Each structure stands twice: as C-alpha cells, then as structure tokens.
C-alpha cells in the first residue's frame, strides 16, 4: 500500500456503483479476507471476496491495475477439494488499445503497454519486485489418489503467511503440508 501513496491511487470496488475506498478500507478488507483463511476454525457469515480496481496517476499518465482473489484448486483423494487455497492476483494489462484509421476503415490494434504507459508499468514492476523480494513460491503437498503429491502453483507466499496457513482450518481439514520455512 505504501507504494501507492504518492501515485494518487484510487481504489474502487468492482460493484455497479464503483464504490471508492481509501487505503485503510482496502487494508481492512484484506485483513478480513486473510483472517477467514488463516484461522484455525472456519468462520461463517463471511464470503471471501477481495476485488479492487486501482486507478493510478503518475505525472499526466493514467492507468490502472486489478487486485482480485483467486482460488488455487488442489487434489483430495482422487478428486478436487471443495475448497481452494486463496491468493490475491495483481494484474496489469499488457496491451494498450490504439485507434487506427486507414483505407480499410476504422479499427483498433493493441500495442505494448510499456510504450504507452511507461510510468504506470514501472510502478507495476516496482510493486511486483517488492512482493518477490519478500515472498517465496508456494509449495505444498496434498492427498492425491494414492499418496501425497507436491503442488506447485504460480503463487508466492510470505514467511508469516506460510506459518499462518500451517495452522489454518483448510490445512487441517485437508491434511495439507506446506514446504519451506
């Protein structure tokens, strides 16, 4: 969140009203999402949902990101578990729509976002670099049909979150084993 401070970031829920949240509200929403999955007992009455559109302005350049929860499916004795491990996906478009007109008419093409939004891309790169320095790839074992099988999703996890997940309701319910420290 600190990396967004001087970028005039605006956080909007993706509801029809595009409700704007400040950084404290986003942090509180993330904490509720995190606690739902990190506690030893599965809570009730909370639907784990974390989706934000993040508009940023760097100099006169405007663009945005999306932060949304995703689920990581895993096997459980020959089928998919009914629950999925949570993660937050931070996404940034790779293409930039450019309107073109020629003898064939009007149409649009996509060009590399780095050419059209270099400052925003640099911010995205800075944020992902910050995350990569503080996290490791998530590796865990799940009960497959015959034995424990290592899972290697394209998800990164912090050491603190790794510790919290070890004692979580989901790891207990499915007998998952996390690898690493």
C-alpha atoms as a PDB file:
ATOM      1  CA  UNK A   1       0.000   0.000   0.000  1.00  0.00           C
ATOM      2  CA  UNK A   2       2.888   2.347   0.740  1.00  0.00           C
ATOM      3  CA  UNK A   3       3.987   2.197  -2.894  1.00  0.00           C
ATOM      4  CA  UNK A   4       0.652   3.726  -3.934  1.00  0.00           C
ATOM      5  CA  UNK A   5       0.923   6.732  -1.570  1.00  0.00           C
ATOM      6  CA  UNK A   6       2.395   9.291  -3.964  1.00  0.00           C
ATOM      7  CA  UNK A   7       0.718   7.893  -7.090  1.00  0.00           C
ATOM      8  CA  UNK A   8      -2.722   9.384  -6.439  1.00  0.00           C
ATOM      9  CA  UNK A   9      -4.148   5.858  -6.349  1.00  0.00           C
ATOM     10  CA  UNK A  10      -7.891   5.415  -6.183  1.00  0.00           C
ATOM     11  CA  UNK A  11      -9.328   2.093  -5.050  1.00  0.00           C
ATOM     12  CA  UNK A  12     -12.770   1.133  -6.328  1.00  0.00           C
ATOM     13  CA  UNK A  13     -14.858  -1.919  -5.663  1.00  0.00           C
ATOM     14  CA  UNK A  14     -15.980  -3.530  -8.874  1.00  0.00           C
ATOM     15  CA  UNK A  15     -19.653  -3.165  -7.992  1.00  0.00           C
ATOM     16  CA  UNK A  16     -22.085  -1.203 -10.155  1.00  0.00           C
ATOM     17  CA  UNK A  17     -21.625   1.920  -8.004  1.00  0.00           C
ATOM     18  CA  UNK A  18     -17.798   1.671  -8.238  1.00  0.00           C
ATOM     19  CA  UNK A  19     -17.624   2.418  -4.513  1.00  0.00           C
ATOM     20  CA  UNK A  20     -14.381   4.183  -3.679  1.00  0.00           C
ATOM     21  CA  UNK A  21     -12.332   3.017  -0.690  1.00  0.00           C
ATOM     22  CA  UNK A  22      -9.354   4.671   0.947  1.00  0.00           C
ATOM     23  CA  UNK A  23      -6.191   2.716   1.783  1.00  0.00           C
ATOM     24  CA  UNK A  24      -7.422   1.965   5.305  1.00  0.00           C
ATOM     25  CA  UNK A  25     -10.638   0.425   3.989  1.00  0.00           C
ATOM     26  CA  UNK A  26      -8.688  -1.655   1.462  1.00  0.00           C
ATOM     27  CA  UNK A  27      -6.363  -2.838   4.222  1.00  0.00           C
ATOM     28  CA  UNK A  28      -9.335  -3.730   6.456  1.00  0.00           C
ATOM     29  CA  UNK A  29     -10.964  -5.661   3.594  1.00  0.00           C
ATOM     30  CA  UNK A  30      -7.711  -7.558   3.028  1.00  0.00           C
ATOM     31  CA  UNK A  31      -7.393  -8.326   6.745  1.00  0.00           C
ATOM     32  CA  UNK A  32     -10.928  -9.813   6.805  1.00  0.00           C
ATOM     33  CA  UNK A  33     -10.108 -11.878   3.708  1.00  0.00           C
ATOM     34  CA  UNK A  34      -6.809 -13.066   5.206  1.00  0.00           C
ATOM     35  CA  UNK A  35      -8.282 -13.924   8.615  1.00  0.00           C
ATOM     36  CA  UNK A  36     -11.002 -16.020   7.003  1.00  0.00           C
ATOM     37  CA  UNK A  37      -8.373 -18.379   5.619  1.00  0.00           C
ATOM     38  CA  UNK A  38      -5.643 -18.122   8.280  1.00  0.00           C
ATOM     39  CA  UNK A  39      -7.691 -19.002  11.361  1.00  0.00           C
ATOM     40  CA  UNK A  40      -7.922 -22.469  12.868  1.00  0.00           C
ATOM     41  CA  UNK A  41     -11.728 -22.501  12.719  1.00  0.00           C
ATOM     42  CA  UNK A  42     -13.609 -21.717   9.524  1.00  0.00           C
ATOM     43  CA  UNK A  43     -15.827 -18.719  10.116  1.00  0.00           C
ATOM     44  CA  UNK A  44     -19.387 -18.387   8.927  1.00  0.00           C
ATOM     45  CA  UNK A  45     -21.281 -15.437   7.544  1.00  0.00           C
ATOM     46  CA  UNK A  46     -18.379 -14.101   5.501  1.00  0.00           C
ATOM     47  CA  UNK A  47     -17.976 -14.635   1.795  1.00  0.00           C
ATOM     48  CA  UNK A  48     -14.255 -14.337   0.949  1.00  0.00           C
ATOM     49  CA  UNK A  49     -14.193 -11.653  -1.707  1.00  0.00           C
ATOM     50  CA  UNK A  50     -11.422  -9.154  -2.427  1.00  0.00           C
ATOM     51  CA  UNK A  51     -11.653  -7.336  -5.766  1.00  0.00           C
ATOM     52  CA  UNK A  52     -10.456  -3.817  -6.450  1.00  0.00           C
ATOM     53  CA  UNK A  53      -9.857  -1.691  -9.479  1.00  0.00           C
ATOM     54  CA  UNK A  54      -6.861   0.534  -8.747  1.00  0.00           C
ATOM     55  CA  UNK A  55      -6.536   3.694 -10.817  1.00  0.00           C
ATOM     56  CA  UNK A  56      -3.179   5.456 -10.623  1.00  0.00           C
ATOM     57  CA  UNK A  57      -1.880   8.715 -11.962  1.00  0.00           C
ATOM     58  CA  UNK A  58       1.836   9.198 -12.472  1.00  0.00           C
ATOM     59  CA  UNK A  59       2.598  12.671 -13.791  1.00  0.00           C
ATOM     60  CA  UNK A  60      -0.059  13.077 -16.523  1.00  0.00           C
ATOM     61  CA  UNK A  61      -0.250   9.358 -17.218  1.00  0.00           C
ATOM     62  CA  UNK A  62      -3.314   7.440 -16.024  1.00  0.00           C
ATOM     63  CA  UNK A  63      -3.769   3.703 -15.968  1.00  0.00           C
ATOM     64  CA  UNK A  64      -4.744   1.013 -13.558  1.00  0.00           C
ATOM     65  CA  UNK A  65      -4.426  -2.409 -12.029  1.00  0.00           C
ATOM     66  CA  UNK A  66      -6.782  -5.022 -10.716  1.00  0.00           C
ATOM     67  CA  UNK A  67      -6.362  -6.850  -7.438  1.00  0.00           C
ATOM     68  CA  UNK A  68      -8.670  -9.800  -7.055  1.00  0.00           C
ATOM     69  CA  UNK A  69      -8.884 -13.011  -5.130  1.00  0.00           C
ATOM     70  CA  UNK A  70      -8.285 -16.236  -6.952  1.00  0.00           C
ATOM     71  CA  UNK A  71      -8.515 -19.832  -5.835  1.00  0.00           C
ATOM     72  CA  UNK A  72      -5.852 -22.491  -6.209  1.00  0.00           C
ATOM     73  CA  UNK A  73      -7.502 -25.894  -6.697  1.00  0.00           C
ATOM     74  CA  UNK A  74      -5.813 -28.971  -5.273  1.00  0.00           C
ATOM     75  CA  UNK A  75      -6.494 -32.716  -5.313  1.00  0.00           C
ATOM     76  CA  UNK A  76      -8.063 -34.524  -2.401  1.00  0.00           C
ATOM     77  CA  UNK A  77      -8.125 -38.315  -2.650  1.00  0.00           C
ATOM     78  CA  UNK A  78      -8.651 -38.560  -6.385  1.00  0.00           C
ATOM     79  CA  UNK A  79     -10.941 -35.564  -6.862  1.00  0.00           C
ATOM     80  CA  UNK A  80     -10.747 -31.807  -6.452  1.00  0.00           C
ATOM     81  CA  UNK A  81     -11.204 -30.476  -2.939  1.00  0.00           C
ATOM     82  CA  UNK A  82     -14.400 -28.488  -2.388  1.00  0.00           C
ATOM     83  CA  UNK A  83     -12.338 -25.526  -1.112  1.00  0.00           C
ATOM     84  CA  UNK A  84      -9.488 -23.736  -2.871  1.00  0.00           C
ATOM     85  CA  UNK A  85      -6.423 -22.072  -1.413  1.00  0.00           C
ATOM     86  CA  UNK A  86      -6.744 -18.294  -1.614  1.00  0.00           C
ATOM     87  CA  UNK A  87      -4.413 -15.855  -3.280  1.00  0.00           C
ATOM     88  CA  UNK A  88      -4.589 -12.275  -4.480  1.00  0.00           C
ATOM     89  CA  UNK A  89      -3.797 -11.694  -8.137  1.00  0.00           C
ATOM     90  CA  UNK A  90      -2.432  -8.289  -9.092  1.00  0.00           C
ATOM     91  CA  UNK A  91      -2.900  -7.762 -12.816  1.00  0.00           C
ATOM     92  CA  UNK A  92      -1.916  -5.074 -15.264  1.00  0.00           C
ATOM     93  CA  UNK A  93      -2.893  -5.069 -18.948  1.00  0.00           C
ATOM     94  CA  UNK A  94      -0.090  -5.933 -21.339  1.00  0.00           C
ATOM     95  CA  UNK A  95      -1.745  -4.282 -24.306  1.00  0.00           C
ATOM     96  CA  UNK A  96      -2.839  -0.733 -24.963  1.00  0.00           C
ATOM     97  CA  UNK A  97      -5.701  -0.111 -27.397  1.00  0.00           C
ATOM     98  CA  UNK A  98      -4.785   2.273 -30.210  1.00  0.00           C
ATOM     99  CA  UNK A  99      -7.466   3.518 -32.614  1.00  0.00           C
ATOM    100  CA  UNK A 100      -6.364   3.348 -36.233  1.00  0.00           C
ATOM    101  CA  UNK A 101      -7.931   4.552 -39.450  1.00  0.00           C
ATOM    102  CA  UNK A 102      -6.762   3.731 -42.931  1.00  0.00           C
ATOM    103  CA  UNK A 103      -8.207   2.826 -46.335  1.00  0.00           C
ATOM    104  CA  UNK A 104      -9.875  -0.234 -44.753  1.00  0.00           C
ATOM    105  CA  UNK A 105     -11.752   1.908 -42.230  1.00  0.00           C
ATOM    106  CA  UNK A 106     -11.613   2.475 -38.509  1.00  0.00           C
ATOM    107  CA  UNK A 107     -10.373  -0.241 -36.202  1.00  0.00           C
ATOM    108  CA  UNK A 108      -8.062  -0.685 -33.236  1.00  0.00           C
ATOM    109  CA  UNK A 109      -4.883  -2.591 -32.509  1.00  0.00           C
ATOM    110  CA  UNK A 110      -3.123  -3.471 -29.300  1.00  0.00           C
ATOM    111  CA  UNK A 111       0.385  -2.231 -28.693  1.00  0.00           C
ATOM    112  CA  UNK A 112       2.791  -2.877 -25.830  1.00  0.00           C
ATOM    113  CA  UNK A 113       1.622  -1.048 -22.693  1.00  0.00           C
ATOM    114  CA  UNK A 114       5.232  -0.163 -21.838  1.00  0.00           C
ATOM    115  CA  UNK A 115       5.343   2.127 -24.864  1.00  0.00           C
ATOM    116  CA  UNK A 116       2.146   3.987 -23.909  1.00  0.00           C
ATOM    117  CA  UNK A 117       2.159   3.875 -20.076  1.00  0.00           C
ATOM    118  CA  UNK A 118       5.843   3.606 -19.096  1.00  0.00           C
ATOM    119  CA  UNK A 119       5.405   5.252 -15.671  1.00  0.00           C
ATOM    120  CA  UNK A 120       2.493   3.012 -14.714  1.00  0.00           C
ATOM    121  CA  UNK A 121       4.343  -0.060 -15.964  1.00  0.00           C
ATOM    122  CA  UNK A 122       7.347   0.993 -13.877  1.00  0.00           C
ATOM    123  CA  UNK A 123       5.088   1.212 -10.808  1.00  0.00           C
ATOM    124  CA  UNK A 124       3.656  -2.245 -11.538  1.00  0.00           C
ATOM    125  CA  UNK A 125       7.190  -3.594 -11.959  1.00  0.00           C
ATOM    126  CA  UNK A 126       8.219  -1.930  -8.674  1.00  0.00           C
ATOM    127  CA  UNK A 127       5.260  -3.462  -6.812  1.00  0.00           C
ATOM    128  CA  UNK A 128       5.842  -6.955  -8.185  1.00  0.00           C
ATOM    129  CA  UNK A 129       9.559  -6.668  -7.426  1.00  0.00           C
ATOM    130  CA  UNK A 130       8.728  -5.619  -3.857  1.00  0.00           C
ATOM    131  CA  UNK A 131       6.468  -8.675  -3.492  1.00  0.00           C
ATOM    132  CA  UNK A 132       9.036 -11.064  -4.989  1.00  0.00           C
ATOM    133  CA  UNK A 133      11.744  -9.889  -2.581  1.00  0.00           C
ATOM    134  CA  UNK A 134       9.523 -10.676   0.431  1.00  0.00           C
ATOM    135  CA  UNK A 135       7.937 -13.928  -0.696  1.00  0.00           C
ATOM    136  CA  UNK A 136       8.772 -17.402  -1.935  1.00  0.00           C
ATOM    137  CA  UNK A 137       6.914 -19.706  -4.308  1.00  0.00           C
ATOM    138  CA  UNK A 138       4.138 -21.622  -2.533  1.00  0.00           C
ATOM    139  CA  UNK A 139       4.864 -25.345  -2.374  1.00  0.00           C
ATOM    140  CA  UNK A 140       2.641 -27.784  -0.544  1.00  0.00           C
ATOM    141  CA  UNK A 141       1.593 -31.416  -0.623  1.00  0.00           C
ATOM    142  CA  UNK A 142      -1.985 -32.589  -0.946  1.00  0.00           C
ATOM    143  CA  UNK A 143      -3.578 -36.023  -0.725  1.00  0.00           C
ATOM    144  CA  UNK A 144      -3.875 -37.375  -4.234  1.00  0.00           C
ATOM    145  CA  UNK A 145      -5.495 -40.679  -5.144  1.00  0.00           C
ATOM    146  CA  UNK A 146      -2.670 -42.862  -3.786  1.00  0.00           C
ATOM    147  CA  UNK A 147      -0.230 -40.609  -1.925  1.00  0.00           C
ATOM    148  CA  UNK A 148       0.775 -37.074  -1.040  1.00  0.00           C
ATOM    149  CA  UNK A 149       1.645 -35.120  -4.166  1.00  0.00           C
ATOM    150  CA  UNK A 150       3.578 -31.840  -4.264  1.00  0.00           C
ATOM    151  CA  UNK A 151       1.646 -28.886  -5.680  1.00  0.00           C
ATOM    152  CA  UNK A 152       3.491 -26.012  -7.365  1.00  0.00           C
ATOM    153  CA  UNK A 153       1.001 -23.232  -8.162  1.00  0.00           C
ATOM    154  CA  UNK A 154       2.256 -19.938  -9.590  1.00  0.00           C
ATOM    155  CA  UNK A 155       1.612 -18.236  -6.251  1.00  0.00           C
ATOM    156  CA  UNK A 156       4.050 -16.514  -3.919  1.00  0.00           C
ATOM    157  CA  UNK A 157       3.752 -16.505  -0.132  1.00  0.00           C
ATOM    158  CA  UNK A 158       5.408 -14.607   2.701  1.00  0.00           C
ATOM    159  CA  UNK A 159       7.072 -16.460   5.597  1.00  0.00           C
ATOM    160  CA  UNK A 160       4.427 -15.116   8.020  1.00  0.00           C
ATOM    161  CA  UNK A 161       1.542 -16.244   5.807  1.00  0.00           C
ATOM    162  CA  UNK A 162       3.237 -19.625   5.441  1.00  0.00           C
ATOM    163  CA  UNK A 163       3.225 -20.023   9.224  1.00  0.00           C
ATOM    164  CA  UNK A 164      -0.393 -18.911   9.478  1.00  0.00           C
ATOM    165  CA  UNK A 165      -1.525 -21.362   6.791  1.00  0.00           C
ATOM    166  CA  UNK A 166       0.124 -24.290   8.577  1.00  0.00           C
ATOM    167  CA  UNK A 167      -2.356 -23.854  11.423  1.00  0.00           C
ATOM    168  CA  UNK A 168      -5.349 -22.873   9.291  1.00  0.00           C
ATOM    169  CA  UNK A 169      -8.674 -24.662   9.068  1.00  0.00           C
ATOM    170  CA  UNK A 170      -8.103 -25.548   5.426  1.00  0.00           C
ATOM    171  CA  UNK A 171      -4.740 -27.210   6.022  1.00  0.00           C
ATOM    172  CA  UNK A 172      -6.262 -29.109   8.938  1.00  0.00           C
ATOM    173  CA  UNK A 173      -9.392 -30.153   7.030  1.00  0.00           C
ATOM    174  CA  UNK A 174      -7.478 -31.500   4.025  1.00  0.00           C
ATOM    175  CA  UNK A 175      -4.247 -32.611   5.712  1.00  0.00           C
ATOM    176  CA  UNK A 176      -2.157 -30.302   3.551  1.00  0.00           C
ATOM    177  CA  UNK A 177       1.556 -29.995   4.272  1.00  0.00           C
ATOM    178  CA  UNK A 178       3.414 -26.806   3.400  1.00  0.00           C
ATOM    179  CA  UNK A 179       7.037 -26.943   2.233  1.00  0.00           C
ATOM    180  CA  UNK A 180       9.688 -24.402   3.168  1.00  0.00           C
ATOM    181  CA  UNK A 181      10.084 -22.029   6.059  1.00  0.00           C
END
